[in-house]
Each structure stands twice: as structure tokens, then as C-alpha cells.
Amino acid sequence: MVDTFDYIIVGAGSAGSILANRLSADNATVCVLEAGPPDRNPWIHIPAGFTRTLANPKVNWLFESEPSAGTAGRPVYVPRGKTLGGSSSINGHIYNRGQRMDYDSWAQEGNRGWGYADILPYFKRSERRIGSNDTDFHGRDGELPVTDIDGPEPICEAFIDGAVGAGIPRNDDYNGATQAGVGYFQRAIENGRRVSAYRAFLHPVKHRLNLEIRTNAHTQRILFRGRRAGGINYKQGDRTIEVAANREVILASGSVGSPHLLQVSGVGPGTLLRNIGVEVLHDLPGVGANLSDHYLARMTARVKNARTINECARGLSLVKEVANYALRRKGLLAMSPSQVFVFWKSHPAMDQPDMQLIFTPATYKAGMIAKLEQEPGMTAATFALRPLSRGYIHARSADIAVKPVIQPNYLAHETDQRVTVAGLRLDRQLLTAPELAQYYDHEVMPGAELQSDEELLDFARSYGTTVFHLVGTCRMGAAERENVVSDELRVHGIEGLRVVDASVMPTMPSANTNAATMMIAEKGADLILGKAPPAAPNLGN
């Protein structure tokens, strides 16, 4: 006997959790297949514990990119969540939507209903903003708590003062009317605990009788009847199991998982599929193409006259922090890794910010995340908000257990190179601002001796990392060879199959991508259920 549901959702991450909630609320029968385990790992729920999940194969796919010239011949570690909540269970907690122009450009490309005024109600639907921001832009009744940081550090305040002194305005709500400026990040943390998409949207409704959540269920391929998706084949332990879908199969496996699954199931670039021994059901070249990611270059400095996270995270200080967290849910363990944002322009002629700077009172070994240095330090890190470099995801084998080729082609485009260098120069300017002088000792990486554009670009190539924001590999757009899904998120040329996750983004939003992924899921659920969209607000000019 084959279990049959109205909808099968592949992936219980940021998109899948919302989809499962909204579809099952409509009395449809829903089965969610998550390749990873339940989210019982305690480090998932402690905000500072994200460093422990970044290298844990039980909750992380532990992908790597292919070496490239843009990374000085290095592979780059590409973490992706493999547990309930997906990457929202291992990310840095930041809630960041992006700029109005990002979504208006999607609509201008012909994607009906995806302009900023159209999608703002979906952002608001998910959000339970805890703070004093404008309700024109923020939701108060959604499931996802969005909070401000607890107890700003003096060194962070000094950094913000330095940015203001350099002509960058203070902005207390970068998710509101304008993004440009400097201030503190908003986070998906409440009462000192991470709130993943699973915890916000799916866990509260997991006992619905029409909803099944199956963990450790690794999807092998999509099952087709002709050109209609009719079900899923997955492995759970040593067993191979089939489930059928009466209405639709929905892929919510992310920008690596969704194109990979399509390819091994026979939907993708025909030449690639034939080369790996997969029978071509539908030659769709755009599957796996258009990969975009944010590439981060970090500048670090030694700190004087202040304690930083480096010292607080070891020895007796760490014991005190653990006690503080256990008793009050406060302190180091309740912090998100990134504290302060700067959204600014790489050139004065720019109309909108094209780079994002992240400041934190900590430094990591060799500029890498997760391993703190011993000495006190601070980090300013920058990336181009709208990278133009494009790469791809390619299956290596017909066996989905074989990890795919991930090639983002970081820094391949000259504009990305220019903005990255401009970002490093802004990092240096702000770290050496007079307002921060009482804390700034000296530059560690890349080192004050590196001054030319080429030297700074070589440094970025040698030490840069992903910001974990892969998008675009099942691009939304008209039924052309480079696009994969329609503006209703249906896979071109296939019936009963949609993709609803970050892979459908036509271009990178000017932001961390988790908030936009949840918005896509909210809108995707309405599209699947045939619901009329909410009224678009009047935002003026």
C-alpha cells in the first residue's frame, strides 16, 4: 500500500515549515519529508550555539564549493541545514528583507504579483515584531518573533558613532521605509532562544490529524506519470518508501537540494543528465543555473580597553556566561553573532546601498567563522548586496546521495570585485574612526601593509567565505530556457510540480535571504490554494 496525500512537501526548512502550516490549515492532507533528524540538538536552540552546528554532519549537509579563481583556487565550505527548520536552525538569526527595488525588479521582468507592494503583506503575515517599528511595514500577529538585541555593548555603540561621524545616518529600522544607514540587526530570537521556521510555524501544529512530518526521510527522486509529478520515492534507514500526491508535489529543499532533485529525476539540462546516466524526461537547461551567493571578506583588529567575545567565551568567564544564560537567558550565549549593520554605497553616485557591512566584537582564526581567537578583537566584514557573478549546481551522479557540484564563481564579475574592494576600504575607515580610537589597537587582517586595490582583492580571494545565501537555481520567469518556474512557481513543462524556496529568486535580494524565503512560502501557499492575494498597500512614491 502506498500512502497518499493531497500535497507532498520535500524539505521542512524555512519554506517547507510555512507551507506545511498553511496547506494543512486548509484541511488538505499534507506529508512533509525532511532528510535530517528532529531538531533535538541543544546547540540549535542556543543562539551562540550556531558555531557548533556549522560543522556537525548530523544537522548540516557540509557541502563545499568547487575551487575557482575567485577563491584563489580554494574550495569554500557551504553549510546547509539538515534538520527540522533547515538552514533557519543553523543560521545567524538575522531578519533582513532587502530593498523595495529588489522585488520591483522581479515584477519588471514579468513576474506578476512579485513587486514590493504585492509581497509586503506576506512579509507582515509571518512576522510578530517585538519593538517600536512602523506597522505600515511590520506585522504584529505572525508566528515569527522579530526582536532587537539585548543590552548594546559600548564597543558597538562606539562603532555606530564612528559610522555616523563618517556621514552614514543612524537607521533604527532597515526593514522599514529605507535600508540605508547603520544600526542594530533585528533577529529571530525570543527569550534567549533561537526561533527557527520549524519552531515558529510547524511545531505548534504538528499534531494536526491531516499533517504528517517524516524525518530522516531522504528523497531519492520524484515519481512521474507521464509529465505529471505523482509522488516521491524516499529512503528512511534501510527502507525505500513511496508516497503519492493527489494534487501536487512541492520542492522546498533550497538552492542546492531542489535543482539536484530535479536533475536526478530527469528534469534539467539534457546533456548533463545523459552524461550522468539519467533518462531525460524534460530538457530544461535552467535547472541548476543562475546560482548566486553573497561572498564575504573580513577585516579584523585587536581591541584594547574592553573585553570582547573572544575572552568571554573561555575559562571562568564562560562558566559565568553559562550560568547567566541558564538563570536569565541573557549574555553571550543569547547573542546573535552579528550585532551591527551598515548598508551603504560603494560610490557616492549610487542611489541605493550596494554593500552590507557586519560588525561584531569578536575575531575568528584566519578570518573564518566558528573558531574564536584568544586575544581580544573585533571584525568588520563586507559583501556586495547584489552580486552579478553566476554559477551552477550540477548533479555528479544519478545517485542523489553523491553530493552535487556547487560552483558559485565568486568574484567572477568585475563589479563584484570593485564593490568588495570598496567594502574593505569602508571597513578600514570605520575601524579607524576617531570615535572607536579608545578601543582600536591595530589591524590584524589583512594588515595595514596591504593598500592597493589589487592587494585587497587578492586578500578577499584568499580568505573570503560564503554568507550562506545561495539563491536562483530554479529561476522564476517566463517559459524560456533559462527559467525553471512560472510566477505561480509551477515547473515549466511539468504538471503537478512546484518549487517554493530560495532557488526561485530571479536575482539576489539586498539582504540575508531567510526572510525573503519565508515570504516566498507565504505567497506560494496562497498560489497553491488558489487564494486571492492580500490588498497591496499604498506606499506612495
Protein backbone atom coordinates (compact mmCIF):
# COMPACT_ATOMS: atom_id res chain seq x y z
CA MET A 1 0.00 0.00 0.00
CA VAL A 2 1.21 3.49 -0.88
CA ASP A 3 0.27 6.36 1.43
CA THR A 4 -1.49 9.10 -0.50
CA PHE A 5 -1.74 12.79 0.42
CA ASP A 6 -3.06 15.88 -1.29
CA TYR A 7 0.37 17.54 -1.06
CA ILE A 8 3.88 16.25 -0.52
CA ILE A 9 6.45 18.84 0.59
CA VAL A 10 10.11 17.92 0.23
CA GLY A 11 12.01 19.77 2.95
CA ALA A 12 10.96 21.11 6.36
CA GLY A 13 13.12 24.22 6.31
CA SER A 14 12.23 27.91 6.13
CA ALA A 15 9.83 27.45 3.21
CA GLY A 16 8.60 23.93 3.92
CA SER A 17 7.59 24.71 7.50
CA ILE A 18 5.38 27.60 6.43
CA LEU A 19 3.89 25.66 3.52
CA ALA A 20 3.01 22.73 5.75
CA ASN A 21 1.28 25.03 8.24
CA ARG A 22 -0.74 26.96 5.67
CA LEU A 23 -1.74 24.00 3.48
CA SER A 24 -2.77 21.79 6.39
CA ALA A 25 -4.80 24.66 7.87
CA ASP A 26 -6.92 24.43 4.72
CA ASN A 27 -7.92 20.83 5.57
CA ALA A 28 -5.73 19.32 2.86
CA THR A 29 -3.72 16.21 3.76
CA VAL A 30 -0.03 17.08 3.83
CA CYS A 31 3.13 15.00 4.12
CA VAL A 32 6.44 16.73 4.86
CA LEU A 33 9.65 14.83 4.14
CA GLU A 34 12.78 16.05 5.94
CA ALA A 35 16.10 14.35 5.17
CA GLY A 36 17.56 15.28 8.55
CA PRO A 37 16.63 14.39 12.12
CA PRO A 38 14.32 16.19 14.55
CA ASP A 39 15.77 19.43 15.95
CA ARG A 40 16.72 17.94 19.34
CA ASN A 41 20.36 19.04 19.24
CA PRO A 42 20.55 21.60 22.11
CA TRP A 43 23.00 23.81 20.22
CA ILE A 44 20.29 24.57 17.66
CA HIS A 45 18.23 26.43 20.25
CA ILE A 46 21.02 28.40 21.97
CA PRO A 47 21.74 31.44 19.77
CA ALA A 48 25.53 31.31 20.20
CA GLY A 49 25.41 27.57 19.55
CA PHE A 50 25.26 28.14 15.80
CA THR A 51 29.06 27.76 15.71
CA ARG A 52 28.59 24.18 16.95
CA THR A 53 26.11 23.31 14.20
CA LEU A 54 28.17 24.70 11.32
CA ALA A 55 30.40 21.62 11.31
CA ASN A 56 28.00 18.98 12.63
CA PRO A 57 27.17 16.38 9.96
CA LYS A 58 24.08 15.28 11.86
CA VAL A 59 22.32 18.60 11.20
CA ASN A 60 24.36 20.02 8.30
CA TRP A 61 24.93 18.80 4.75
CA LEU A 62 28.55 20.05 4.91
CA PHE A 63 28.75 20.95 1.22
CA GLU A 64 31.81 22.51 -0.40
CA SER A 65 32.05 24.69 -3.49
CA GLU A 66 34.39 23.88 -6.32
CA PRO A 67 37.71 25.77 -6.37
CA SER A 68 37.78 28.84 -8.58
CA ALA A 69 39.96 31.82 -9.47
CA GLY A 70 37.72 34.00 -7.30
CA THR A 71 38.68 31.96 -4.23
CA ALA A 72 42.40 31.65 -5.09
CA GLY A 73 41.90 28.01 -6.02
CA ARG A 74 40.23 27.12 -2.69
CA PRO A 75 37.02 25.21 -2.11
CA VAL A 76 34.67 27.19 0.13
CA TYR A 77 32.67 25.48 2.85
CA VAL A 78 28.93 25.79 2.13
CA PRO A 79 26.79 24.85 5.17
CA ARG A 80 23.13 23.92 4.62
CA GLY A 81 20.72 22.84 7.36
CA LYS A 82 19.69 19.18 7.53
CA THR A 83 17.11 19.07 10.31
CA LEU A 84 13.64 20.36 11.05
CA GLY A 85 13.88 24.07 10.32
CA GLY A 86 16.56 23.56 7.69
CA SER A 87 19.05 26.38 7.47
CA SER A 88 16.90 28.50 9.81
CA SER A 89 18.03 26.08 12.54
CA ILE A 90 21.75 26.76 11.95
CA ASN A 91 21.92 30.31 10.59
CA GLY A 92 22.95 33.56 12.27
CA HIS A 93 19.36 34.56 13.25
CA ILE A 94 19.25 37.79 11.21
CA TYR A 95 15.89 39.06 9.91
CA ASN A 96 16.56 41.19 6.84
CA ARG A 97 14.16 41.73 3.94
CA GLY A 98 16.09 43.80 1.42
CA GLN A 99 15.21 46.85 -0.64
CA ARG A 100 11.99 47.75 -2.42
CA MET A 101 13.82 47.83 -5.75
CA ASP A 102 14.83 44.16 -5.41
CA TYR A 103 11.26 42.93 -5.67
CA ASP A 104 10.10 45.60 -8.10
CA SER A 105 12.79 44.32 -10.47
CA TRP A 106 11.33 40.81 -10.21
CA ALA A 107 7.95 42.19 -11.29
CA GLN A 108 9.53 44.25 -14.07
CA GLU A 109 10.95 41.03 -15.51
CA GLY A 110 7.37 39.82 -16.00
CA ASN A 111 6.74 38.02 -12.69
CA ARG A 112 3.20 39.16 -11.95
CA GLY A 113 2.40 39.83 -8.31
CA TRP A 114 6.00 39.90 -7.09
CA GLY A 115 6.57 43.67 -6.80
CA TYR A 116 7.32 45.11 -3.38
CA ALA A 117 3.79 46.36 -2.73
CA ASP A 118 2.49 42.89 -3.64
CA ILE A 119 4.81 40.94 -1.36
CA LEU A 120 4.98 43.28 1.66
CA PRO A 121 1.73 41.82 3.11
CA TYR A 122 3.33 38.38 3.02
CA PHE A 123 6.36 39.60 4.97
CA LYS A 124 3.97 41.10 7.52
CA ARG A 125 1.83 37.95 7.70
CA SER A 126 4.72 35.87 9.10
CA GLU A 127 6.11 38.50 11.45
CA ARG A 128 5.44 39.19 15.11
CA ARG A 129 7.57 42.29 15.51
CA ILE A 130 8.50 42.97 19.11
CA GLY A 131 9.60 46.59 19.22
CA SER A 132 8.52 50.07 18.24
CA ASN A 133 8.68 49.96 14.44
CA ASP A 134 6.15 51.24 11.91
CA THR A 135 3.16 48.93 11.45
CA ASP A 136 2.95 50.04 7.80
CA PHE A 137 5.98 47.82 7.28
CA HIS A 138 5.83 45.32 10.14
CA GLY A 139 3.46 42.62 11.29
CA ARG A 140 2.42 42.15 14.91
CA ASP A 141 0.37 38.97 14.71
CA GLY A 142 2.55 36.47 12.84
CA GLU A 143 4.26 33.40 14.23
CA LEU A 144 7.89 34.52 13.83
CA PRO A 145 9.15 36.78 16.65
CA VAL A 146 11.49 39.51 15.42
CA THR A 147 13.34 41.20 18.26
CA ASP A 148 16.04 43.78 18.96
CA ILE A 149 19.34 42.93 20.61
CA ASP A 150 19.64 42.88 24.39
CA GLY A 151 21.96 45.38 26.07
CA PRO A 152 24.13 47.04 23.39
CA GLU A 153 27.88 46.77 24.04
CA PRO A 154 29.86 50.04 24.43
CA ILE A 155 32.21 48.99 21.63
CA CYS A 156 29.22 48.57 19.30
CA GLU A 157 27.91 52.00 20.26
CA ALA A 158 31.34 53.49 19.51
CA PHE A 159 31.39 51.80 16.11
CA ILE A 160 27.94 53.20 15.29
CA ASP A 161 29.06 56.67 16.40
CA GLY A 162 32.06 56.36 14.10
CA ALA A 163 29.84 55.45 11.15
CA VAL A 164 27.57 58.41 11.86
CA GLY A 165 30.65 60.61 12.06
CA ALA A 166 31.66 59.35 8.62
CA GLY A 167 28.35 60.52 7.17
CA ILE A 168 26.28 57.32 7.40
CA PRO A 169 22.91 58.04 9.02
CA ARG A 170 21.61 56.14 12.05
CA ASN A 171 18.76 53.83 10.99
CA ASP A 172 16.71 52.06 13.65
CA ASP A 173 14.64 50.07 11.14
CA TYR A 174 16.40 48.85 7.99
CA ASN A 175 13.31 46.71 7.24
CA GLY A 176 11.13 49.80 7.10
CA ALA A 177 10.90 52.73 4.71
CA THR A 178 14.61 52.79 3.89
CA GLN A 179 17.53 50.40 4.26
CA ALA A 180 20.49 52.79 4.14
CA GLY A 181 22.32 53.55 7.36
CA VAL A 182 23.84 51.99 10.47
CA GLY A 183 22.23 50.35 13.49
CA TYR A 184 21.48 47.06 15.20
CA PHE A 185 20.23 43.93 13.49
CA GLN A 186 16.75 42.53 14.07
CA ARG A 187 16.76 38.82 14.96
CA ALA A 188 14.60 35.71 15.16
CA ILE A 189 15.41 35.22 18.83
CA GLU A 190 12.94 35.34 21.72
CA ASN A 191 13.67 34.97 25.42
CA GLY A 192 17.22 33.94 24.65
CA ARG A 193 16.20 31.11 22.30
CA ARG A 194 16.52 30.68 18.55
CA VAL A 195 13.15 30.60 16.80
CA SER A 196 13.59 28.60 13.62
CA ALA A 197 10.92 28.38 10.94
CA TYR A 198 10.06 24.92 12.24
CA ARG A 199 9.64 26.16 15.83
CA ALA A 200 7.59 29.17 14.72
CA PHE A 201 5.32 27.61 12.10
CA LEU A 202 5.32 23.80 12.13
CA HIS A 203 5.98 22.65 15.68
CA PRO A 204 2.83 24.36 17.06
CA VAL A 205 0.61 22.49 14.55
CA LYS A 206 2.47 19.18 14.30
CA HIS A 207 -0.42 17.26 15.88
CA ARG A 208 -2.94 18.15 13.17
CA LEU A 209 -4.55 14.90 12.03
CA ASN A 210 -4.15 15.82 8.36
CA LEU A 211 -0.41 16.52 8.69
CA GLU A 212 2.47 14.03 8.76
CA ILE A 213 6.09 15.05 9.37
CA ARG A 214 8.58 12.33 8.45
CA THR A 215 12.19 12.91 9.50
CA ASN A 216 15.35 11.09 8.37
CA ALA A 217 13.44 10.70 5.10
CA HIS A 218 15.91 11.36 2.28
CA THR A 219 14.09 11.88 -1.01
CA GLN A 220 15.64 9.89 -3.86
CA ARG A 221 13.58 11.05 -6.83
CA ILE A 222 10.30 12.50 -8.00
CA LEU A 223 7.88 9.92 -9.42
CA PHE A 224 6.12 10.87 -12.64
CA ARG A 225 3.10 9.65 -14.55
CA GLY A 226 3.97 10.91 -17.99
CA ARG A 227 4.78 14.56 -17.44
CA ARG A 228 2.85 14.85 -14.20
CA ALA A 229 4.52 14.58 -10.80
CA GLY A 230 2.64 11.93 -8.88
CA GLY A 231 4.72 11.20 -5.83
CA ILE A 232 8.08 10.79 -4.14
CA ASN A 233 10.47 7.92 -3.57
CA TYR A 234 12.49 8.30 -0.36
CA LYS A 235 14.79 6.31 1.90
CA GLN A 236 14.35 6.04 5.65
CA GLY A 237 17.12 3.93 7.13
CA ASP A 238 17.35 0.77 5.02
CA ARG A 239 13.79 1.07 3.69
CA THR A 240 12.74 2.60 0.40
CA ILE A 241 9.24 4.09 0.58
CA GLU A 242 6.87 5.68 -1.91
CA VAL A 243 4.24 8.30 -1.18
CA ALA A 244 1.71 9.62 -3.69
CA ALA A 245 0.30 13.11 -4.21
CA ASN A 246 -3.27 13.66 -5.39
CA ARG A 247 -2.72 17.34 -6.07
CA GLU A 248 0.90 18.47 -6.10
CA VAL A 249 4.49 17.70 -5.21
CA ILE A 250 6.22 20.79 -3.81
CA LEU A 251 10.01 21.08 -3.63
CA ALA A 252 11.24 23.19 -0.71
CA SER A 253 14.77 21.80 -0.48
CA GLY A 254 16.65 25.03 -1.15
CA SER A 255 19.00 26.26 -3.83
CA VAL A 256 21.15 23.13 -3.69
CA GLY A 257 18.58 20.46 -2.91
CA SER A 258 15.75 21.42 -5.27
CA PRO A 259 17.74 21.60 -8.55
CA HIS A 260 19.70 18.50 -7.55
CA LEU A 261 16.50 16.53 -7.02
CA LEU A 262 15.03 17.75 -10.30
CA GLN A 263 18.16 16.72 -12.19
CA VAL A 264 18.38 13.17 -10.82
CA SER A 265 14.63 12.85 -11.51
CA GLY A 266 15.10 13.66 -15.21
CA VAL A 267 14.27 17.38 -15.31
CA GLY A 268 17.21 19.58 -16.22
CA PRO A 269 19.91 20.20 -18.84
CA GLY A 270 19.66 17.26 -21.24
CA THR A 271 23.38 16.93 -21.92
CA LEU A 272 24.23 16.90 -18.21
CA LEU A 273 21.57 14.31 -17.42
CA ARG A 274 22.65 11.98 -20.20
CA ASN A 275 26.27 12.26 -19.09
CA ILE A 276 25.40 11.05 -15.58
CA GLY A 277 23.11 8.27 -16.78
CA VAL A 278 19.72 9.88 -16.08
CA GLU A 279 16.91 9.43 -18.59
CA VAL A 280 15.74 12.86 -19.75
CA LEU A 281 12.07 13.46 -19.02
CA HIS A 282 12.19 17.19 -19.73
CA ASP A 283 15.18 19.09 -21.10
CA LEU A 284 15.11 22.28 -19.01
CA PRO A 285 18.55 23.94 -19.15
CA GLY A 286 17.85 26.49 -16.42
CA VAL A 287 17.68 23.85 -13.66
CA GLY A 288 20.80 24.43 -11.57
CA ALA A 289 21.88 27.53 -13.49
CA ASN A 290 21.86 31.16 -12.27
CA LEU A 291 23.43 30.32 -8.88
CA SER A 292 24.16 33.47 -6.88
CA ASP A 293 25.63 33.87 -3.40
CA HIS A 294 26.99 36.60 -1.14
CA TYR A 295 30.78 36.44 -0.73
CA LEU A 296 32.16 37.95 2.48
CA ALA A 297 35.58 39.48 3.12
CA ARG A 298 36.51 40.14 6.77
CA MET A 299 38.79 42.78 8.27
CA THR A 300 39.88 42.22 11.86
CA ALA A 301 41.58 44.34 14.51
CA ARG A 302 42.92 43.92 18.02
CA VAL A 303 40.98 45.63 20.80
CA LYS A 304 42.24 47.47 23.89
CA ASN A 305 40.42 48.78 26.96
CA ALA A 306 37.48 46.42 26.54
CA ARG A 307 36.51 42.77 26.83
CA THR A 308 35.25 41.11 23.68
CA ILE A 309 33.52 37.82 22.90
CA ASN A 310 36.97 36.22 22.46
CA GLU A 311 37.76 36.41 26.19
CA CYS A 312 34.19 35.87 27.39
CA ALA A 313 33.96 32.53 25.58
CA ARG A 314 36.59 30.66 27.59
CA GLY A 315 37.67 29.80 31.10
CA LEU A 316 35.93 31.21 34.16
CA SER A 317 34.26 33.88 32.04
CA LEU A 318 32.50 31.20 30.02
CA VAL A 319 31.35 29.48 33.22
CA LYS A 320 29.76 32.76 34.31
CA GLU A 321 28.15 33.20 30.90
CA VAL A 322 26.68 29.69 31.05
CA ALA A 323 25.24 30.42 34.49
CA ASN A 324 23.83 33.74 33.28
CA TYR A 325 22.16 32.01 30.37
CA ALA A 326 20.80 29.16 32.47
CA LEU A 327 19.30 31.54 35.03
CA ARG A 328 18.27 34.53 32.93
CA ARG A 329 18.58 33.58 29.22
CA LYS A 330 20.91 36.58 28.88
CA GLY A 331 24.51 37.28 27.97
CA LEU A 332 26.93 35.82 25.47
CA LEU A 333 25.02 32.61 24.75
CA ALA A 334 21.84 34.57 23.95
CA MET A 335 23.59 36.78 21.38
CA SER A 336 23.43 36.58 17.62
CA PRO A 337 26.92 36.51 16.06
CA SER A 338 26.36 39.72 14.09
CA GLN A 339 25.49 42.82 16.07
CA VAL A 340 25.69 45.95 13.93
CA PHE A 341 24.80 46.52 10.27
CA VAL A 342 25.89 49.15 7.78
CA PHE A 343 24.08 49.37 4.45
CA TRP A 344 25.94 51.80 2.28
CA LYS A 345 27.09 52.74 -1.21
CA SER A 346 30.34 51.76 -2.86
CA HIS A 347 30.28 55.05 -4.79
CA PRO A 348 28.59 58.38 -3.95
CA ALA A 349 26.71 58.32 -7.27
CA MET A 350 24.75 55.23 -6.23
CA ASP A 351 21.03 55.76 -5.49
CA GLN A 352 20.76 52.84 -3.05
CA PRO A 353 23.19 50.82 -0.92
CA ASP A 354 25.03 48.12 -2.84
CA MET A 355 27.08 46.70 0.04
CA GLN A 356 26.41 45.39 3.53
CA LEU A 357 28.86 45.65 6.42
CA ILE A 358 28.59 43.49 9.54
CA PHE A 359 30.32 44.44 12.79
CA THR A 360 30.85 42.18 15.78
CA PRO A 361 33.11 42.48 18.87
CA ALA A 362 34.90 39.21 18.13
CA THR A 363 37.53 37.77 15.80
CA TYR A 364 37.89 34.29 14.37
CA LYS A 365 41.03 32.43 13.39
CA ALA A 366 42.27 33.35 9.90
CA GLY A 367 39.14 35.45 9.50
CA MET A 368 36.99 32.30 9.46
CA ILE A 369 33.77 31.77 11.38
CA ALA A 370 33.34 29.40 14.35
CA LYS A 371 36.86 29.33 15.89
CA LEU A 372 37.45 32.32 18.13
CA GLU A 373 40.91 33.78 18.62
CA GLN A 374 42.44 34.06 22.09
CA GLU A 375 43.22 37.78 22.06
CA PRO A 376 40.53 40.49 22.19
CA GLY A 377 39.35 41.56 18.76
CA MET A 378 36.65 43.00 16.54
CA THR A 379 35.58 42.27 12.99
CA ALA A 380 34.10 44.37 10.19
CA ALA A 381 33.05 42.27 7.22
CA THR A 382 31.50 43.34 3.93
CA PHE A 383 29.83 41.85 0.88
CA ALA A 384 28.26 43.10 -2.35
CA LEU A 385 24.49 43.12 -1.85
CA ARG A 386 23.57 42.32 -5.45
CA PRO A 387 26.37 40.14 -6.86
CA LEU A 388 26.50 39.73 -10.62
CA SER A 389 28.69 36.62 -10.67
CA ARG A 390 26.71 33.50 -11.61
CA GLY A 391 27.42 29.82 -11.14
CA TYR A 392 25.63 26.48 -11.16
CA ILE A 393 24.58 23.32 -9.34
CA HIS A 394 25.24 20.08 -11.28
CA ALA A 395 24.49 16.53 -10.23
CA ARG A 396 27.61 14.36 -10.36
CA SER A 397 25.71 11.07 -10.48
CA ALA A 398 22.27 9.55 -10.87
CA ASP A 399 22.59 8.69 -7.18
CA ILE A 400 21.30 11.63 -5.14
CA ALA A 401 23.48 10.55 -2.19
CA VAL A 402 26.50 11.78 -4.18
CA LYS A 403 26.92 15.48 -3.37
CA PRO A 404 26.46 17.78 -6.37
CA VAL A 405 28.94 20.15 -7.95
CA ILE A 406 28.50 23.61 -6.41
CA GLN A 407 30.25 26.35 -8.37
CA PRO A 408 29.18 29.91 -7.43
CA ASN A 409 32.01 31.53 -9.45
CA TYR A 410 32.64 34.01 -6.65
CA LEU A 411 34.11 37.37 -7.73
CA ALA A 412 33.99 36.42 -11.41
CA HIS A 413 32.24 39.67 -12.32
CA GLU A 414 34.26 42.88 -12.30
CA THR A 415 31.52 44.77 -10.44
CA ASP A 416 31.64 42.26 -7.56
CA GLN A 417 35.39 42.77 -7.37
CA ARG A 418 35.05 46.55 -7.27
CA VAL A 419 32.34 46.52 -4.57
CA THR A 420 34.31 44.03 -2.46
CA VAL A 421 37.39 46.27 -2.50
CA ALA A 422 35.24 49.32 -1.70
CA GLY A 423 33.76 47.37 1.20
CA LEU A 424 37.17 46.54 2.64
CA ARG A 425 38.15 50.19 2.41
CA LEU A 426 34.97 51.16 4.27
CA ASP A 427 35.77 48.51 6.91
CA ARG A 428 39.17 50.09 7.43
CA GLN A 429 37.77 53.61 7.53
CA LEU A 430 35.21 52.74 10.20
CA LEU A 431 37.53 50.62 12.34
CA THR A 432 39.99 53.52 12.48
CA ALA A 433 37.33 56.20 13.08
CA PRO A 434 38.12 58.64 15.94
CA GLU A 435 35.03 57.50 17.85
CA LEU A 436 36.46 53.97 18.08
CA ALA A 437 40.04 55.04 18.91
CA GLN A 438 39.77 54.15 22.62
CA TYR A 439 39.18 50.50 21.62
CA TYR A 440 41.16 50.15 18.36
CA ASP A 441 44.70 48.83 18.76
CA HIS A 442 45.89 47.69 15.33
CA GLU A 443 44.72 45.93 12.19
CA VAL A 444 45.35 42.18 12.07
CA MET A 445 43.83 41.06 8.76
CA PRO A 446 44.55 41.82 6.02
CA GLY A 447 47.21 44.03 7.62
CA ALA A 448 47.92 47.73 7.15
CA GLU A 449 50.67 46.95 4.63
CA LEU A 450 48.05 45.90 2.06
CA GLN A 451 46.86 49.12 0.44
CA SER A 452 46.31 48.78 -3.29
CA ASP A 453 43.08 47.60 -4.88
CA GLU A 454 44.80 44.51 -6.24
CA GLU A 455 46.27 43.62 -2.85
CA LEU A 456 42.88 43.92 -1.17
CA LEU A 457 41.20 41.91 -3.93
CA ASP A 458 43.83 39.16 -3.61
CA PHE A 459 43.17 39.09 0.13
CA ALA A 460 39.44 38.72 -0.48
CA ARG A 461 40.09 35.87 -2.90
CA SER A 462 42.37 34.10 -0.42
CA TYR A 463 40.26 34.46 2.73
CA GLY A 464 36.68 35.22 1.68
CA THR A 465 33.79 32.95 2.63
CA THR A 466 30.15 32.42 1.79
CA VAL A 467 27.45 34.18 3.78
CA PHE A 468 25.25 31.09 3.24
CA HIS A 469 22.83 32.92 0.90
CA LEU A 470 22.60 30.66 -2.15
CA VAL A 471 19.68 31.57 -4.46
CA GLY A 472 18.45 31.42 -8.02
CA THR A 473 18.97 27.85 -9.24
CA CYS A 474 15.29 27.28 -10.18
CA ARG A 475 14.80 30.78 -11.52
CA MET A 476 11.31 32.27 -11.73
CA GLY A 477 10.33 33.74 -15.08
CA ALA A 478 8.56 33.21 -18.38
CA ALA A 479 8.72 29.82 -20.11
CA GLU A 480 12.16 30.32 -21.60
CA ARG A 481 15.15 28.01 -21.45
CA GLU A 482 16.94 29.86 -18.63
CA ASN A 483 13.86 29.91 -16.35
CA VAL A 484 12.53 26.97 -14.36
CA VAL A 485 9.27 28.04 -12.72
CA SER A 486 6.45 30.40 -13.64
CA ASP A 487 5.34 33.32 -11.50
CA GLU A 488 2.94 30.81 -9.91
CA LEU A 489 6.03 28.70 -9.04
CA ARG A 490 4.98 25.83 -11.35
CA VAL A 491 7.83 23.98 -13.07
CA HIS A 492 7.69 24.78 -16.78
CA GLY A 493 6.65 21.79 -18.87
CA ILE A 494 5.63 19.61 -15.91
CA GLU A 495 2.24 19.27 -14.24
CA GLY A 496 1.62 18.92 -10.51
CA LEU A 497 5.08 20.15 -9.52
CA ARG A 498 6.16 23.43 -7.94
CA VAL A 499 9.33 24.79 -6.37
CA VAL A 500 8.82 27.10 -3.39
CA ASP A 501 12.12 28.16 -1.81
CA ALA A 502 15.12 30.47 -2.30
CA SER A 503 16.03 28.78 -5.58
CA VAL A 504 13.18 30.56 -7.41
CA MET A 505 14.58 34.06 -6.76
CA PRO A 506 15.40 35.62 -10.16
CA THR A 507 18.09 37.79 -8.57
CA MET A 508 19.64 38.18 -5.15
CA PRO A 509 17.75 40.47 -2.75
CA SER A 510 19.83 43.10 -0.98
CA ALA A 511 19.70 41.11 2.24
CA ASN A 512 20.26 37.94 4.18
CA THR A 513 17.87 35.58 2.43
CA ASN A 514 15.88 33.81 5.16
CA ALA A 515 13.16 36.46 5.45
CA ALA A 516 12.63 36.54 1.67
CA THR A 517 12.43 32.73 1.60
CA MET A 518 9.65 32.77 4.19
CA MET A 519 7.84 35.45 2.19
CA ILE A 520 8.02 33.23 -0.91
CA ALA A 521 6.49 30.38 1.08
CA GLU A 522 3.64 32.57 2.34
CA LYS A 523 2.82 33.71 -1.19
CA GLY A 524 3.41 30.22 -2.58
CA ALA A 525 0.84 28.77 -0.19
CA ASP A 526 -1.77 31.25 -1.43
CA LEU A 527 -0.92 30.39 -5.05
CA ILE A 528 -1.25 26.65 -4.37
CA LEU A 529 -4.58 27.08 -2.59
CA GLY A 530 -5.91 29.49 -5.22
CA LYS A 531 -6.45 32.26 -2.70
CA ALA A 532 -6.72 35.87 -3.76
CA PRO A 533 -3.66 37.90 -2.79
CA PRO A 534 -3.96 40.43 0.04
CA ALA A 535 -4.57 44.03 -0.94
CA ALA A 536 -1.37 45.84 -1.83
CA PRO A 537 -0.66 48.79 0.46
CA ASN A 538 -0.37 52.32 -0.85
CA LEU A 539 3.30 53.11 -0.34
CA GLY A 540 3.34 56.36 -2.26
CA ASN A 541 6.38 57.13 -4.37
